[in-house]
């Protein structure tokens, strides 16, 4: 009987250790290390652009001009660090909810990390529809991809407006900058 209890205890302790280890892995941030910045592309755009929720399904839309190509040379690896910043306004929608405006970064069609979680984090929000159409905030995100092998990579930014339950939501961006840094891995 004592043997059975010891076996059950060992199994229970082993299961607890596995669960704690899995929990630690899921919350541990990824760390990338690079040696030096070996290339930079900067895209700037001063003309305001707007995106709206049309009351139907929302979709990611390319931000006009927010596109750059950068090459990682042969026989090397690189990390791409992308910074997107701009004056942002997210307004309209419902007063008892939190309509949101999103920005994401794609590298050769794959979303850079950390991936945008449209259920949790946004670039901007309507703050329960208390934002006026003239209230712009300077906001930014950083995303990264890699290590990546030799290739030419197309980096672009996209925007999306959450689907409001009742009303039009408008996401306006002005004076934005996208910086793509190539870092030797």
Protein backbone atom coordinates (compact mmCIF):
# COMPACT_ATOMS: atom_id res chain seq x y z
CA UNK A 1 0.00 0.00 0.00
CA UNK A 2 2.86 2.36 0.87
CA UNK A 3 4.42 1.64 -2.53
CA UNK A 4 1.20 2.58 -4.29
CA UNK A 5 0.95 5.87 -2.35
CA UNK A 6 4.57 6.71 -3.18
CA UNK A 7 3.94 5.97 -6.85
CA UNK A 8 0.85 8.16 -6.90
CA UNK A 9 2.75 10.94 -5.12
CA UNK A 10 5.65 10.72 -7.61
CA UNK A 11 3.25 10.84 -10.56
CA UNK A 12 1.42 13.83 -9.06
CA UNK A 13 4.68 15.69 -8.36
CA UNK A 14 5.94 14.89 -11.85
CA UNK A 15 2.73 16.19 -13.42
CA UNK A 16 2.96 19.38 -11.34
CA UNK A 17 6.57 19.93 -12.46
CA UNK A 18 5.54 19.50 -16.12
CA UNK A 19 2.65 21.98 -15.73
CA UNK A 20 4.89 24.57 -14.05
CA UNK A 21 7.53 24.13 -16.76
CA UNK A 22 4.92 24.55 -19.52
CA UNK A 23 3.52 27.66 -17.83
CA UNK A 24 7.02 29.13 -17.57
CA UNK A 25 7.66 28.48 -21.26
CA UNK A 26 4.41 30.14 -22.35
CA UNK A 27 5.14 33.39 -20.48
CA UNK A 28 8.86 33.59 -21.17
CA UNK A 29 9.54 36.34 -23.69
CA UNK A 30 11.54 35.53 -26.81
CA UNK A 31 14.99 37.12 -26.92
CA UNK A 32 16.85 37.86 -30.14
CA UNK A 33 20.46 39.04 -30.21
CA UNK A 34 22.22 40.80 -33.02
CA UNK A 35 25.68 42.15 -33.68
CA UNK A 36 25.27 45.43 -35.54
CA UNK A 37 22.84 47.37 -37.69
CA UNK A 38 23.86 46.72 -41.30
CA UNK A 39 21.07 48.50 -43.16
CA UNK A 40 18.17 50.88 -42.64
CA UNK A 41 15.14 51.78 -44.78
CA UNK A 42 12.88 54.66 -43.78
CA UNK A 43 9.47 55.40 -45.25
CA UNK A 44 7.76 58.69 -44.33
CA UNK A 45 4.29 59.83 -45.28
CA UNK A 46 2.83 63.25 -44.40
CA UNK A 47 -0.56 62.98 -46.12
CA UNK A 48 -3.34 61.78 -43.76
CA UNK A 49 -4.97 58.45 -44.60
CA UNK A 50 -8.21 57.06 -43.15
CA UNK A 51 -9.79 53.64 -42.72
CA UNK A 52 -13.40 52.99 -41.70
CA UNK A 53 -15.53 50.19 -40.39
CA UNK A 54 -18.19 49.75 -43.01
CA UNK A 55 -20.53 47.83 -40.71
CA UNK A 56 -19.58 44.51 -42.28
CA UNK A 57 -16.61 42.23 -41.93
CA UNK A 58 -13.39 44.05 -41.17
CA UNK A 59 -10.23 43.33 -43.11
CA UNK A 60 -6.57 44.26 -42.98
CA UNK A 61 -5.75 46.98 -45.52
CA UNK A 62 -2.32 48.13 -46.70
CA UNK A 63 -1.37 51.55 -45.34
CA UNK A 64 -0.56 53.63 -48.45
CA UNK A 65 3.19 54.05 -48.89
CA UNK A 66 4.12 51.96 -45.82
CA UNK A 67 6.19 49.47 -47.78
CA UNK A 68 9.94 48.87 -48.04
CA UNK A 69 12.23 46.18 -49.42
CA UNK A 70 15.42 45.22 -47.65
CA UNK A 71 17.92 42.49 -48.56
CA UNK A 72 19.85 40.17 -46.29
CA UNK A 73 23.10 39.40 -48.15
CA UNK A 74 24.24 35.93 -49.20
CA UNK A 75 25.98 33.77 -46.57
CA UNK A 76 24.53 35.83 -43.69
CA UNK A 77 21.55 35.85 -41.37
CA UNK A 78 19.68 38.89 -40.19
CA UNK A 79 16.98 40.16 -37.88
CA UNK A 80 14.55 42.79 -39.08
CA UNK A 81 13.42 45.34 -36.50
CA UNK A 82 10.47 47.41 -37.69
CA UNK A 83 9.21 50.56 -35.98
CA UNK A 84 5.96 52.17 -37.05
CA UNK A 85 4.90 55.49 -35.55
CA UNK A 86 2.41 58.16 -36.44
CA UNK A 87 -0.26 60.59 -35.35
CA UNK A 88 -3.37 58.51 -34.78
CA UNK A 89 -7.06 59.15 -34.27
CA UNK A 90 -9.65 56.41 -33.69
CA UNK A 91 -13.15 57.82 -33.27
CA UNK A 92 -16.82 56.97 -33.63
CA UNK A 93 -18.47 53.71 -32.62
CA UNK A 94 -20.44 52.98 -29.50
CA UNK A 95 -20.25 54.70 -26.13
CA UNK A 96 -20.54 51.57 -24.01
CA UNK A 97 -17.87 49.62 -25.84
CA UNK A 98 -14.28 49.87 -26.89
CA UNK A 99 -13.93 50.03 -30.64
CA UNK A 100 -10.33 49.61 -31.71
CA UNK A 101 -7.96 50.54 -34.52
CA UNK A 102 -5.07 48.19 -35.30
CA UNK A 103 -1.70 48.26 -37.08
CA UNK A 104 0.35 45.20 -37.95
CA UNK A 105 3.64 44.60 -39.76
CA UNK A 106 4.12 41.92 -42.42
CA UNK A 107 7.47 40.57 -43.61
CA UNK A 108 7.06 38.71 -46.92
CA UNK A 109 3.39 38.24 -46.04
CA UNK A 110 4.01 36.82 -42.54
CA UNK A 111 3.10 38.90 -39.50
CA UNK A 112 6.15 40.02 -37.52
CA UNK A 113 6.38 39.31 -33.79
CA UNK A 114 4.75 39.87 -31.47
CA UNK A 115 1.66 39.06 -33.53
CA UNK A 116 -1.23 41.49 -33.11
CA UNK A 117 -3.93 40.04 -30.88
CA UNK A 118 -7.07 41.84 -32.04
CA UNK A 119 -8.91 40.67 -28.95
CA UNK A 120 -6.47 42.29 -26.55
CA UNK A 121 -4.19 44.99 -27.90
CA UNK A 122 -4.73 47.74 -30.42
CA UNK A 123 -2.72 50.60 -31.85
CA UNK A 124 -5.45 53.05 -30.78
CA UNK A 125 -9.04 52.99 -29.52
CA UNK A 126 -12.09 55.24 -29.49
CA UNK A 127 -11.97 55.29 -25.66
CA UNK A 128 -15.68 54.39 -25.43
CA UNK A 129 -16.43 57.02 -28.11
CA UNK A 130 -15.05 59.94 -26.10
CA UNK A 131 -12.44 60.83 -28.75
CA UNK A 132 -13.13 63.77 -31.01
CA UNK A 133 -12.21 63.71 -34.70
CA UNK A 134 -9.46 66.27 -34.03
CA UNK A 135 -7.76 64.49 -31.09
CA UNK A 136 -4.59 62.89 -32.49
CA UNK A 137 -2.05 60.97 -30.41
CA UNK A 138 1.56 60.13 -31.28
CA UNK A 139 1.70 56.31 -31.06
CA UNK A 140 4.12 53.59 -32.12
CA UNK A 141 4.76 49.84 -32.28
CA UNK A 142 7.94 47.77 -32.67
CA UNK A 143 7.92 44.38 -34.36
CA UNK A 144 10.69 41.96 -35.34
CA UNK A 145 11.31 38.99 -37.60
CA UNK A 146 14.15 36.53 -37.68
CA UNK A 147 16.73 35.34 -37.71
CA UNK A 148 16.17 35.25 -41.47
CA UNK A 149 18.34 33.84 -44.24
CA UNK A 150 19.61 35.56 -47.38
CA UNK A 151 16.73 37.02 -49.40
CA UNK A 152 15.01 40.27 -50.26
CA UNK A 153 12.21 40.93 -47.81
CA UNK A 154 9.16 43.11 -48.41
CA UNK A 155 8.03 44.83 -45.22
CA UNK A 156 4.66 46.54 -45.10
CA UNK A 157 2.25 47.96 -42.56
CA UNK A 158 -1.47 47.29 -42.57
CA UNK A 159 -4.40 48.82 -40.68
CA UNK A 160 -7.77 47.48 -39.56
CA UNK A 161 -10.76 48.94 -37.73
CA UNK A 162 -12.77 46.75 -35.35
CA UNK A 163 -16.31 46.00 -36.45
CA UNK A 164 -18.50 48.33 -34.36
CA UNK A 165 -21.89 47.02 -33.30
CA UNK A 166 -23.77 50.11 -34.39
CA UNK A 167 -21.85 52.97 -35.86
CA UNK A 168 -19.06 54.05 -38.14
CA UNK A 169 -15.53 53.98 -36.67
CA UNK A 170 -12.82 55.98 -38.43
CA UNK A 171 -9.08 55.36 -38.03
CA UNK A 172 -6.93 58.23 -39.29
CA UNK A 173 -3.14 58.22 -39.53
CA UNK A 174 -1.04 61.29 -40.29
CA UNK A 175 2.69 61.95 -40.47
CA UNK A 176 3.67 58.32 -40.10
CA UNK A 177 7.15 56.83 -40.31
CA UNK A 178 8.15 53.20 -40.79
CA UNK A 179 11.78 52.33 -40.01
CA UNK A 180 13.15 48.92 -41.03
CA UNK A 181 16.53 48.01 -39.54
CA UNK A 182 18.56 45.04 -40.75
CA UNK A 183 20.66 43.66 -37.91
CA UNK A 184 23.40 41.08 -38.45
CA UNK A 185 22.48 37.94 -36.51
